[in-house]
Amino acid sequence: MNNKNKPEAELQGIESALAELEVAREDGMIDFARYLQLKANYETRKATLLEELGFITPIPDHDSQRAAIKIQHSRRSMIEEQAADEETERQQTNKQSLIDRLCDSMSANRLTPIIGDTVRHERIFDIDSDKVLGVAANGGGHAGAARSELGTTVPSVFPASAELSGAIPILPQRKLSITEQLAVLWAKKSNYPLADRHRIARVAQYNAVKMGVFNAKKDYLKFQKTQLLEEVIEAAEKENMPDVRAHAEHLKNNLKRSFTDIVEDLGLCRRKKGSDPLDILARWPIRCYVTTSYYDFVERALEAANKKPRTRLCLWNLDVVDLRKEHKPADDDWEPSAEEPIVYHLFGSEHYPESMLLCEDDYVEYLMYLAQDKVGDSGDRFILPFVESRLRNSSLLLLGYRLHDWDFRVLLRVLRKAKQTGKKSSGRSAPDSVAIQLDAKDQFEITKDDKAKENATEYLTGYFDEAKLKVDWDRTDSFLETLWTQCPHKK
């Protein structure tokens, strides 16, 4: 290529770029200020090239180029729209298949829901529904100060401020979940010195070393109560609700009540818009509910539905003699039913702080006992036989989890263990099927790219390689509302 051809080739490239720039501006794909800046740069370089060429190169027809590019863009848009329509149809088909399967399982009394903390955490702590702890007000107060500590200045946005970007260098610009925000505030209160202050198990481990395991868990429960009540007090002041504020201040001065009692007393979940997932679950004819939450929200929802639930715990570090009478395994031949279901707390209860899986060491010890299939030297089975049978032989519906959390990862090990045990004893794979409902906005590993969701599904399938696994990427409340509407086997 001679020297004259080089500027001619560059000039042709600039003409094409200018044409594409005009199309982008007409389609609203570029900011106007950015459009002017790019056009000025191209035009300046174009003038220089024309001068070098002695104005001998004809100026291409911009209109023709723009028309050709518009045709290309139109074809590309049609292909993308068709692919999007096909993907939407595929997702709807998969969802309907999942709904049908769950309805069949419920009809056969083979559905066991497993419920995580996130089903309720946002409804409880996100007082003003902006995805951030505290109340978006101009005033001071503890809750307002909490928002400042979290680096939050705009509702619904959790920017990587100077403090948080230093705290979480590998996850810039990511919104923290409510649980992670609680961890950041508890870390602040505890003078946690490390960078990963959003990881609740790490913060709990630090406090366990500093003040002892039992005291660290009690401190966490006290912290949650205090944080919640401070938010309620500030919200009541903002909304001019003196009775609510007085009641919350009274509760704050008497923290002996359980966290569940405080939440129910204040009616926080009932005030939220939309259906409460636990209320929907409680209306179904289900015999066994498994939860990894420390709190009694499932039991309260069942009681509100005129049922008589019985609470049982995984005794991974407790002795039966330490339990209240109402929590001890029944000596008779009681069989859970739809009207008198069992609620099994897999990861402990706030009524027995030592039983809560909270610190990193708790999860390690829990997995050790799981591998042995017994607790310590007692010889007791790790999981209550009836519950183990349900995990092994029924269809499972997992709700309210995040892929990166300790509780979800350990839960997968529990379910995998039940599956392997069932296969050894009966010669067949178990459970029948596994449905995992994951709210995509809570999974920071999952991008808007559907390929990421496919990869996550493949990862989960690895734990249930012979089970019929389905993953739904909808919100928990929307998913359950759809299931409730379409499933005829309900009470």
Protein backbone atom coordinates (compact mmCIF):
# COMPACT_ATOMS: atom_id res chain seq x y z
CA MET A 1 0.00 0.00 0.00
CA ASN A 2 1.51 3.37 -1.04
CA ASN A 3 1.54 6.39 1.25
CA LYS A 4 -1.48 7.88 -0.51
CA ASN A 5 -3.67 4.83 0.11
CA LYS A 6 -3.10 4.91 3.87
CA PRO A 7 -4.91 8.23 4.51
CA GLU A 8 -7.58 7.22 2.00
CA ALA A 9 -8.28 4.03 3.98
CA GLU A 10 -8.33 5.97 7.23
CA LEU A 11 -10.64 8.55 5.70
CA GLN A 12 -13.08 5.84 4.64
CA GLY A 13 -13.03 4.48 8.17
CA ILE A 14 -13.81 7.93 9.57
CA GLU A 15 -16.70 8.36 7.12
CA SER A 16 -18.15 5.03 8.27
CA ALA A 17 -17.68 6.02 11.90
CA LEU A 18 -19.46 9.32 11.30
CA ALA A 19 -22.36 7.54 9.66
CA GLU A 20 -22.67 5.08 12.57
CA LEU A 21 -22.44 7.98 14.99
CA GLU A 22 -25.41 9.68 13.32
CA VAL A 23 -27.43 6.47 13.52
CA ALA A 24 -26.57 6.07 17.18
CA ARG A 25 -27.70 9.64 17.87
CA GLU A 26 -30.98 9.20 15.99
CA ASP A 27 -31.70 5.97 17.87
CA GLY A 28 -30.96 7.57 21.22
CA MET A 29 -28.06 5.20 21.90
CA ILE A 30 -25.53 7.89 22.82
CA ASP A 31 -25.51 10.93 25.07
CA PHE A 32 -25.74 14.17 23.04
CA ALA A 33 -22.67 15.73 24.66
CA ARG A 34 -20.67 12.59 23.89
CA TYR A 35 -22.02 12.68 20.32
CA LEU A 36 -20.78 16.25 19.79
CA GLN A 37 -17.36 15.42 21.23
CA LEU A 38 -16.87 12.38 19.00
CA LYS A 39 -18.15 14.14 15.91
CA ALA A 40 -15.75 17.07 16.48
CA ASN A 41 -12.82 14.66 16.83
CA TYR A 42 -13.75 12.77 13.65
CA GLU A 43 -14.32 15.97 11.66
CA THR A 44 -10.96 17.42 12.78
CA ARG A 45 -9.12 14.28 11.73
CA LYS A 46 -11.09 14.16 8.49
CA ALA A 47 -10.07 17.73 7.59
CA THR A 48 -6.42 16.87 8.20
CA LEU A 49 -6.62 13.82 5.94
CA LEU A 50 -8.38 15.73 3.16
CA GLU A 51 -5.64 18.36 3.29
CA GLU A 52 -2.99 15.63 3.04
CA LEU A 53 -4.76 14.18 0.02
CA GLY A 54 -5.06 17.55 -1.66
CA PHE A 55 -8.86 17.31 -1.64
CA ILE A 56 -8.73 14.74 -4.42
CA THR A 57 -10.69 12.04 -2.56
CA PRO A 58 -14.45 12.38 -3.13
CA ILE A 59 -16.59 12.71 -0.04
CA PRO A 60 -18.76 9.61 0.36
CA ASP A 61 -22.54 9.83 0.36
CA HIS A 62 -23.44 9.99 4.08
CA ASP A 63 -27.10 9.42 3.43
CA SER A 64 -26.45 6.16 1.59
CA GLN A 65 -24.09 4.97 4.30
CA ARG A 66 -26.56 5.83 7.04
CA ALA A 67 -29.32 4.01 5.18
CA ALA A 68 -27.16 0.89 4.80
CA ILE A 69 -26.17 0.95 8.45
CA LYS A 70 -29.80 1.43 9.51
CA ILE A 71 -30.75 -1.67 7.51
CA GLN A 72 -27.99 -3.63 9.27
CA HIS A 73 -29.15 -2.38 12.68
CA SER A 74 -32.75 -3.21 11.84
CA ARG A 75 -31.84 -6.76 10.84
CA ARG A 76 -29.76 -7.16 13.99
CA SER A 77 -32.63 -5.86 16.15
CA MET A 78 -35.06 -8.29 14.53
CA ILE A 79 -32.74 -11.21 15.23
CA GLU A 80 -32.21 -10.08 18.83
CA GLU A 81 -35.95 -9.60 19.38
CA GLN A 82 -36.69 -13.04 17.96
CA ALA A 83 -34.05 -14.62 20.20
CA ALA A 84 -35.45 -12.74 23.22
CA ASP A 85 -38.99 -13.92 22.40
CA GLU A 86 -37.78 -17.51 22.10
CA GLU A 87 -35.92 -17.25 25.42
CA THR A 88 -38.99 -15.78 27.14
CA GLU A 89 -41.14 -18.60 25.77
CA ARG A 90 -38.58 -21.18 26.93
CA GLN A 91 -38.50 -19.68 30.44
CA GLN A 92 -42.29 -19.61 30.62
CA THR A 93 -42.44 -23.26 29.54
CA ASN A 94 -39.84 -24.24 32.15
CA LYS A 95 -41.67 -22.30 34.85
CA GLN A 96 -44.99 -23.91 33.99
CA SER A 97 -43.32 -27.33 34.10
CA LEU A 98 -41.96 -26.48 37.55
CA ILE A 99 -45.35 -25.24 38.77
CA ASP A 100 -47.05 -28.41 37.50
CA ARG A 101 -44.48 -30.61 39.20
CA LEU A 102 -44.83 -28.83 42.54
CA CYS A 103 -48.63 -29.05 42.35
CA ASP A 104 -48.39 -32.79 41.71
CA SER A 105 -46.02 -33.16 44.67
CA MET A 106 -48.39 -31.25 46.93
CA SER A 107 -51.30 -33.39 45.81
CA ALA A 108 -49.32 -36.52 46.70
CA ASN A 109 -48.23 -35.03 50.06
CA ARG A 110 -44.63 -35.07 48.90
CA LEU A 111 -43.69 -31.38 49.02
CA THR A 112 -41.25 -30.08 51.64
CA PRO A 113 -40.32 -26.36 51.59
CA ILE A 114 -36.92 -25.30 52.92
CA ILE A 115 -36.99 -21.64 53.90
CA GLY A 116 -34.06 -19.25 54.29
CA ASP A 117 -33.71 -15.96 56.15
CA THR A 118 -33.95 -13.68 53.14
CA VAL A 119 -37.65 -14.51 52.80
CA ARG A 120 -38.23 -12.24 55.78
CA HIS A 121 -35.13 -10.08 56.33
CA GLU A 122 -36.02 -7.39 53.80
CA ARG A 123 -39.63 -7.23 54.98
CA ILE A 124 -38.39 -6.68 58.53
CA PHE A 125 -35.35 -4.42 58.31
CA ASP A 126 -36.02 -2.44 55.14
CA ILE A 127 -38.44 -0.09 56.89
CA ASP A 128 -38.86 2.35 54.00
CA SER A 129 -38.52 -0.25 51.21
CA ASP A 130 -35.41 1.27 49.63
CA LYS A 131 -33.12 -1.78 50.04
CA VAL A 132 -30.99 0.06 52.60
CA LEU A 133 -30.96 -0.18 56.38
CA GLY A 134 -32.19 2.88 58.21
CA VAL A 135 -34.65 5.57 57.20
CA ALA A 136 -34.07 8.01 54.36
CA ALA A 137 -34.48 11.20 56.33
CA ASN A 138 -32.50 14.41 56.69
CA GLY A 139 -32.47 14.20 60.44
CA GLY A 140 -29.95 12.56 62.69
CA GLY A 141 -30.61 9.58 64.89
CA HIS A 142 -29.02 6.17 65.14
CA ALA A 143 -30.64 4.68 62.04
CA GLY A 144 -29.74 7.72 59.96
CA ALA A 145 -26.19 7.44 61.22
CA ALA A 146 -26.27 3.78 60.18
CA ARG A 147 -27.02 4.78 56.60
CA SER A 148 -24.10 7.18 56.73
CA GLU A 149 -21.82 4.41 57.95
CA LEU A 150 -22.94 2.24 55.05
CA GLY A 151 -21.99 4.96 52.59
CA THR A 152 -25.58 5.37 51.40
CA THR A 153 -26.69 8.81 50.25
CA VAL A 154 -29.29 7.98 47.60
CA PRO A 155 -32.27 5.66 48.26
CA SER A 156 -32.05 2.25 46.53
CA VAL A 157 -28.35 2.76 45.78
CA PHE A 158 -25.46 1.28 47.73
CA PRO A 159 -22.42 2.92 46.15
CA ALA A 160 -18.82 1.93 46.72
CA SER A 161 -17.95 4.89 48.90
CA ALA A 162 -14.41 5.51 50.09
CA GLU A 163 -15.07 3.38 53.16
CA LEU A 164 -16.94 0.54 51.50
CA SER A 165 -14.76 0.35 48.42
CA GLY A 166 -11.87 -0.23 50.78
CA ALA A 167 -13.90 -2.77 52.70
CA ILE A 168 -14.88 -4.79 49.64
CA PRO A 169 -12.20 -4.21 47.02
CA ILE A 170 -13.15 -7.27 44.92
CA LEU A 171 -16.81 -6.28 44.61
CA PRO A 172 -16.91 -2.59 43.62
CA GLN A 173 -20.26 -0.97 42.92
CA ARG A 174 -22.22 -3.97 44.20
CA LYS A 175 -25.31 -3.48 46.32
CA LEU A 176 -25.08 -5.29 49.63
CA SER A 177 -27.95 -7.42 50.83
CA ILE A 178 -29.76 -6.50 54.03
CA THR A 179 -27.93 -9.31 55.88
CA GLU A 180 -24.58 -8.00 54.62
CA GLN A 181 -25.48 -4.47 55.67
CA LEU A 182 -26.28 -5.79 59.14
CA ALA A 183 -22.88 -7.47 59.19
CA VAL A 184 -21.18 -4.17 58.29
CA LEU A 185 -22.92 -2.37 61.16
CA TRP A 186 -22.22 -5.17 63.65
CA ALA A 187 -18.58 -5.13 62.53
CA LYS A 188 -18.49 -1.37 63.14
CA LYS A 189 -19.94 -1.82 66.62
CA SER A 190 -17.45 -4.62 67.35
CA ASN A 191 -14.38 -2.77 66.00
CA TYR A 192 -13.82 -5.57 63.51
CA PRO A 193 -10.38 -4.86 62.02
CA LEU A 194 -10.45 -6.76 58.71
CA ALA A 195 -11.68 -5.76 55.27
CA ASP A 196 -14.48 -8.33 54.78
CA ARG A 197 -16.94 -6.67 57.16
CA HIS A 198 -19.92 -7.70 55.04
CA ARG A 199 -19.41 -11.41 55.83
CA ILE A 200 -21.51 -12.20 58.88
CA ALA A 201 -19.74 -15.50 59.67
CA ARG A 202 -16.35 -13.75 59.74
CA VAL A 203 -17.57 -10.96 61.98
CA ALA A 204 -19.21 -13.52 64.29
CA GLN A 205 -15.99 -15.55 64.42
CA TYR A 206 -14.06 -12.44 65.47
CA ASN A 207 -16.55 -11.71 68.24
CA ALA A 208 -16.50 -15.35 69.34
CA VAL A 209 -12.74 -15.13 69.86
CA LYS A 210 -13.05 -11.80 71.62
CA MET A 211 -15.98 -12.53 73.97
CA GLY A 212 -16.69 -16.26 73.71
CA VAL A 213 -19.01 -18.14 71.35
CA PHE A 214 -22.15 -17.98 73.48
CA ASN A 215 -21.74 -14.29 74.30
CA ALA A 216 -21.04 -13.46 70.64
CA LYS A 217 -24.33 -15.07 69.57
CA LYS A 218 -26.26 -13.30 72.33
CA ASP A 219 -24.62 -10.04 71.27
CA TYR A 220 -25.74 -10.61 67.67
CA LEU A 221 -29.35 -11.16 68.76
CA LYS A 222 -29.22 -8.03 70.92
CA PHE A 223 -27.68 -6.06 68.06
CA GLN A 224 -30.46 -7.10 65.66
CA LYS A 225 -33.19 -6.10 68.13
CA THR A 226 -31.56 -2.75 68.85
CA GLN A 227 -30.94 -1.97 65.17
CA LEU A 228 -34.54 -2.78 64.25
CA LEU A 229 -36.07 -0.74 67.06
CA GLU A 230 -33.87 2.27 66.29
CA GLU A 231 -35.11 2.14 62.70
CA VAL A 232 -38.73 1.95 63.87
CA ILE A 233 -38.25 4.85 66.28
CA GLU A 234 -36.75 7.04 63.56
CA ALA A 235 -39.46 6.08 61.05
CA ALA A 236 -42.19 6.80 63.61
CA GLU A 237 -40.69 10.21 64.33
CA LYS A 238 -40.51 11.01 60.62
CA GLU A 239 -44.15 9.94 60.05
CA ASN A 240 -45.36 11.68 63.24
CA MET A 241 -46.54 8.47 64.96
CA PRO A 242 -45.89 9.15 68.68
CA ASP A 243 -47.67 5.99 69.90
CA VAL A 244 -45.54 3.74 67.70
CA ARG A 245 -42.39 5.55 68.78
CA ALA A 246 -43.27 5.23 72.47
CA HIS A 247 -43.99 1.53 72.07
CA ALA A 248 -40.72 0.93 70.22
CA GLU A 249 -38.77 2.83 72.89
CA HIS A 250 -40.46 0.68 75.55
CA LEU A 251 -39.42 -2.48 73.69
CA LYS A 252 -35.88 -1.17 73.31
CA ASN A 253 -35.63 -0.76 77.09
CA ASN A 254 -36.71 -4.37 77.57
CA LEU A 255 -34.77 -6.57 75.14
CA LYS A 256 -35.54 -9.81 76.96
CA ARG A 257 -38.30 -10.60 74.47
CA SER A 258 -37.34 -12.69 71.46
CA PHE A 259 -36.64 -11.08 68.11
CA THR A 260 -39.67 -12.89 66.69
CA ASP A 261 -41.91 -11.46 69.41
CA ILE A 262 -40.69 -7.92 68.76
CA VAL A 263 -41.25 -8.18 65.01
CA GLU A 264 -44.72 -9.65 65.46
CA ASP A 265 -45.61 -7.10 68.12
CA LEU A 266 -44.70 -4.24 65.79
CA GLY A 267 -46.50 -5.89 62.86
CA LEU A 268 -43.65 -5.03 60.51
CA CYS A 269 -44.25 -7.81 58.00
CA ARG A 270 -47.99 -7.15 57.84
CA ARG A 271 -47.44 -3.51 56.86
CA LYS A 272 -45.49 -4.34 53.73
CA LYS A 273 -47.17 -4.23 50.35
CA GLY A 274 -47.60 -7.49 48.47
CA SER A 275 -48.16 -11.03 49.65
CA ASP A 276 -46.12 -12.42 52.50
CA PRO A 277 -44.42 -15.64 51.24
CA LEU A 278 -44.76 -17.32 54.65
CA ASP A 279 -48.49 -16.61 54.76
CA ILE A 280 -48.89 -18.32 51.38
CA LEU A 281 -46.82 -21.34 52.46
CA ALA A 282 -48.79 -21.65 55.70
CA ARG A 283 -52.08 -22.10 53.83
CA TRP A 284 -50.88 -25.18 51.97
CA PRO A 285 -51.54 -28.71 53.25
CA ILE A 286 -47.89 -29.42 54.11
CA ARG A 287 -46.75 -31.73 56.91
CA CYS A 288 -43.11 -30.65 57.25
CA TYR A 289 -41.49 -27.23 56.98
CA VAL A 290 -37.70 -26.99 57.20
CA THR A 291 -36.06 -23.64 57.91
CA THR A 292 -32.49 -22.43 58.33
CA SER A 293 -33.74 -19.31 60.11
CA TYR A 294 -33.19 -18.91 63.85
CA TYR A 295 -36.61 -17.32 64.29
CA ASP A 296 -40.20 -18.58 64.69
CA PHE A 297 -41.73 -16.74 61.74
CA VAL A 298 -42.85 -19.96 60.04
CA GLU A 299 -44.61 -21.06 63.24
CA ARG A 300 -46.34 -17.69 63.61
CA ALA A 301 -47.58 -17.81 60.01
CA LEU A 302 -48.96 -21.31 60.57
CA GLU A 303 -50.70 -20.24 63.77
CA ALA A 304 -52.26 -17.32 61.90
CA ALA A 305 -53.60 -19.90 59.44
CA ASN A 306 -55.28 -21.74 62.37
CA LYS A 307 -52.76 -24.57 62.44
CA LYS A 308 -50.88 -26.04 65.40
CA PRO A 309 -47.22 -26.34 64.48
CA ARG A 310 -44.65 -28.14 66.61
CA THR A 311 -41.11 -26.84 66.71
CA ARG A 312 -38.16 -29.24 66.58
CA LEU A 313 -34.43 -28.53 66.36
CA CYS A 314 -31.35 -30.17 64.92
CA LEU A 315 -29.47 -31.02 68.13
CA TRP A 316 -26.03 -30.60 66.63
CA ASN A 317 -24.64 -29.06 69.83
CA LEU A 318 -27.55 -29.37 72.26
CA ASP A 319 -28.77 -32.10 74.58
CA VAL A 320 -32.42 -33.03 74.78
CA VAL A 321 -32.44 -32.23 78.51
CA ASP A 322 -31.58 -28.60 77.65
CA LEU A 323 -34.74 -28.12 75.61
CA ARG A 324 -38.02 -26.64 76.70
CA LYS A 325 -40.83 -29.14 77.03
CA GLU A 326 -42.57 -27.91 73.88
CA HIS A 327 -39.38 -28.40 71.84
CA LYS A 328 -38.51 -31.92 73.01
CA PRO A 329 -39.11 -34.84 70.64
CA ALA A 330 -42.47 -36.44 71.36
CA ASP A 331 -42.44 -39.69 73.30
CA ASP A 332 -45.68 -40.87 71.71
CA ASP A 333 -46.42 -41.89 68.15
CA TRP A 334 -47.26 -38.38 67.00
CA GLU A 335 -47.27 -38.08 63.24
CA PRO A 336 -47.10 -34.59 61.69
CA SER A 337 -50.12 -33.64 59.59
CA ALA A 338 -51.27 -30.69 57.48
CA GLU A 339 -53.17 -29.32 60.50
CA GLU A 340 -50.37 -30.07 62.96
CA PRO A 341 -47.15 -29.78 60.96
CA ILE A 342 -43.58 -29.94 62.16
CA VAL A 343 -41.29 -26.92 61.76
CA TYR A 344 -37.69 -28.12 61.83
CA HIS A 345 -34.93 -25.61 62.56
CA LEU A 346 -31.92 -27.02 60.79
CA PHE A 347 -29.43 -24.33 61.87
CA GLY A 348 -30.56 -23.57 65.41
CA SER A 349 -32.98 -21.27 67.22
CA GLU A 350 -32.82 -17.90 68.94
CA HIS A 351 -34.31 -19.58 72.03
CA TYR A 352 -31.01 -21.47 72.35
CA PRO A 353 -28.30 -19.04 71.17
CA GLU A 354 -25.59 -21.69 71.43
CA SER A 355 -27.43 -23.74 68.75
CA MET A 356 -27.26 -20.98 66.10
CA LEU A 357 -24.95 -21.59 63.14
CA LEU A 358 -23.36 -18.16 63.01
CA CYS A 359 -19.56 -18.35 63.31
CA GLU A 360 -17.30 -19.97 60.75
CA ASP A 361 -16.30 -22.61 63.32
CA ASP A 362 -19.99 -23.49 63.78
CA TYR A 363 -20.33 -24.42 60.13
CA VAL A 364 -17.13 -26.49 60.19
CA GLU A 365 -18.24 -28.39 63.31
CA TYR A 366 -21.71 -28.86 61.88
CA LEU A 367 -20.30 -30.40 58.71
CA MET A 368 -18.12 -32.72 60.80
CA TYR A 369 -21.15 -34.06 62.67
CA LEU A 370 -23.04 -34.32 59.39
CA ALA A 371 -20.30 -36.54 57.97
CA GLN A 372 -20.45 -38.76 61.07
CA ASP A 373 -24.28 -38.80 60.91
CA LYS A 374 -24.41 -38.39 64.69
CA VAL A 375 -23.85 -35.72 67.32
CA GLY A 376 -20.72 -36.20 69.39
CA ASP A 377 -20.65 -39.44 71.38
CA SER A 378 -24.39 -39.48 72.06
CA GLY A 379 -25.20 -41.82 69.20
CA ASP A 380 -28.25 -39.71 68.32
CA ARG A 381 -28.98 -39.31 64.62
CA PHE A 382 -27.83 -35.97 63.28
CA ILE A 383 -31.25 -35.10 61.82
CA LEU A 384 -34.63 -36.15 63.19
CA PRO A 385 -35.60 -39.38 61.36
CA PHE A 386 -38.96 -38.05 60.13
CA VAL A 387 -37.32 -34.92 58.71
CA GLU A 388 -34.49 -36.93 57.19
CA SER A 389 -37.09 -39.11 55.47
CA ARG A 390 -38.79 -36.00 54.06
CA LEU A 391 -35.49 -34.64 52.75
CA ARG A 392 -34.77 -38.01 51.20
CA ASN A 393 -38.13 -38.97 49.73
CA SER A 394 -40.11 -35.81 48.96
CA SER A 395 -39.86 -33.00 46.45
CA LEU A 396 -37.93 -30.08 47.89
CA LEU A 397 -38.63 -26.39 47.34
CA LEU A 398 -35.78 -24.10 48.44
CA LEU A 399 -36.76 -20.46 49.03
CA GLY A 400 -34.85 -17.35 50.08
CA TYR A 401 -31.17 -18.18 49.55
CA ARG A 402 -28.11 -16.59 47.98
CA LEU A 403 -25.55 -18.73 46.20
CA HIS A 404 -22.57 -17.23 48.03
CA ASP A 405 -23.89 -17.54 51.61
CA TRP A 406 -22.61 -20.07 54.12
CA ASP A 407 -26.10 -21.29 55.01
CA PHE A 408 -26.91 -22.18 51.39
CA ARG A 409 -23.62 -23.96 50.82
CA VAL A 410 -23.95 -26.02 54.00
CA LEU A 411 -27.61 -26.74 53.24
CA LEU A 412 -26.55 -28.22 49.90
CA ARG A 413 -24.24 -30.59 51.80
CA VAL A 414 -27.11 -31.62 54.10
CA LEU A 415 -29.36 -32.38 51.13
CA ARG A 416 -26.61 -34.20 49.28
CA LYS A 417 -26.00 -36.33 52.35
CA ALA A 418 -29.71 -37.20 52.57
CA LYS A 419 -29.71 -38.10 48.90
CA GLN A 420 -26.70 -40.39 49.25
CA THR A 421 -28.12 -42.03 52.37
CA GLY A 422 -31.44 -42.65 50.62
CA LYS A 423 -29.75 -44.20 47.61
CA LYS A 424 -27.75 -46.59 49.81
CA SER A 425 -30.79 -47.70 51.81
CA SER A 426 -33.39 -47.93 49.06
CA GLY A 427 -31.32 -48.30 45.94
CA ARG A 428 -32.95 -45.30 44.27
CA SER A 429 -32.09 -41.69 43.92
CA ALA A 430 -33.57 -39.11 46.28
CA PRO A 431 -35.13 -36.63 46.58
CA ASP A 432 -37.72 -36.96 43.80
CA SER A 433 -37.03 -33.43 42.60
CA VAL A 434 -35.45 -30.20 43.76
CA ALA A 435 -36.79 -26.75 42.94
CA ILE A 436 -34.62 -23.79 43.89
CA GLN A 437 -36.12 -20.33 43.76
CA LEU A 438 -33.40 -17.69 43.52
CA ASP A 439 -34.10 -13.99 43.29
CA ALA A 440 -31.62 -12.91 40.60
CA LYS A 441 -31.11 -9.47 42.17
CA ASP A 442 -29.76 -11.14 45.34
CA GLN A 443 -27.14 -13.18 43.47
CA PHE A 444 -24.21 -10.85 42.88
CA GLU A 445 -22.47 -13.62 40.89
CA ILE A 446 -25.32 -13.61 38.37
CA THR A 447 -25.24 -10.90 35.72
CA LYS A 448 -28.00 -9.94 33.31
CA ASP A 449 -26.47 -12.43 30.89
CA ASP A 450 -28.65 -15.57 30.73
CA LYS A 451 -25.47 -17.61 30.24
CA ALA A 452 -24.50 -16.86 33.83
CA LYS A 453 -27.83 -18.29 35.01
CA GLU A 454 -27.25 -21.41 32.91
CA ASN A 455 -23.81 -21.85 34.49
CA ALA A 456 -25.28 -21.47 37.97
CA THR A 457 -27.95 -24.05 37.16
CA GLU A 458 -25.29 -26.49 35.96
CA TYR A 459 -23.35 -25.91 39.19
CA LEU A 460 -26.42 -26.70 41.30
CA THR A 461 -27.25 -29.73 39.17
CA GLY A 462 -23.88 -31.12 40.20
CA TYR A 463 -25.23 -31.52 43.74
CA PHE A 464 -28.38 -33.29 42.54
CA ASP A 465 -27.06 -35.02 39.46
CA GLU A 466 -29.81 -37.64 39.39
CA ALA A 467 -32.63 -35.46 40.69
CA LYS A 468 -34.98 -33.46 38.53
CA LEU A 469 -33.67 -30.01 39.30
CA LYS A 470 -35.33 -26.75 38.28
CA VAL A 471 -34.17 -23.23 39.10
CA ASP A 472 -36.55 -20.28 38.99
CA TRP A 473 -35.08 -16.76 38.86
CA ASP A 474 -38.15 -14.86 40.01
CA ARG A 475 -38.89 -13.00 43.26
CA THR A 476 -40.02 -15.29 46.07
CA ASP A 477 -43.38 -13.60 46.57
CA SER A 478 -44.18 -13.56 42.82
CA PHE A 479 -43.18 -17.20 42.45
CA LEU A 480 -45.37 -18.33 45.35
CA GLU A 481 -48.31 -16.19 44.21
CA THR A 482 -48.15 -17.91 40.82
CA LEU A 483 -47.93 -21.31 42.45
CA TRP A 484 -50.87 -20.53 44.77
CA THR A 485 -53.01 -19.32 41.88
CA GLN A 486 -52.36 -22.30 39.63
CA CYS A 487 -52.18 -25.15 42.11
CA PRO A 488 -55.61 -26.69 42.81
CA HIS A 489 -54.37 -28.74 45.77
CA LYS A 490 -54.66 -26.10 48.47
CA LYS A 491 -56.77 -25.35 51.52
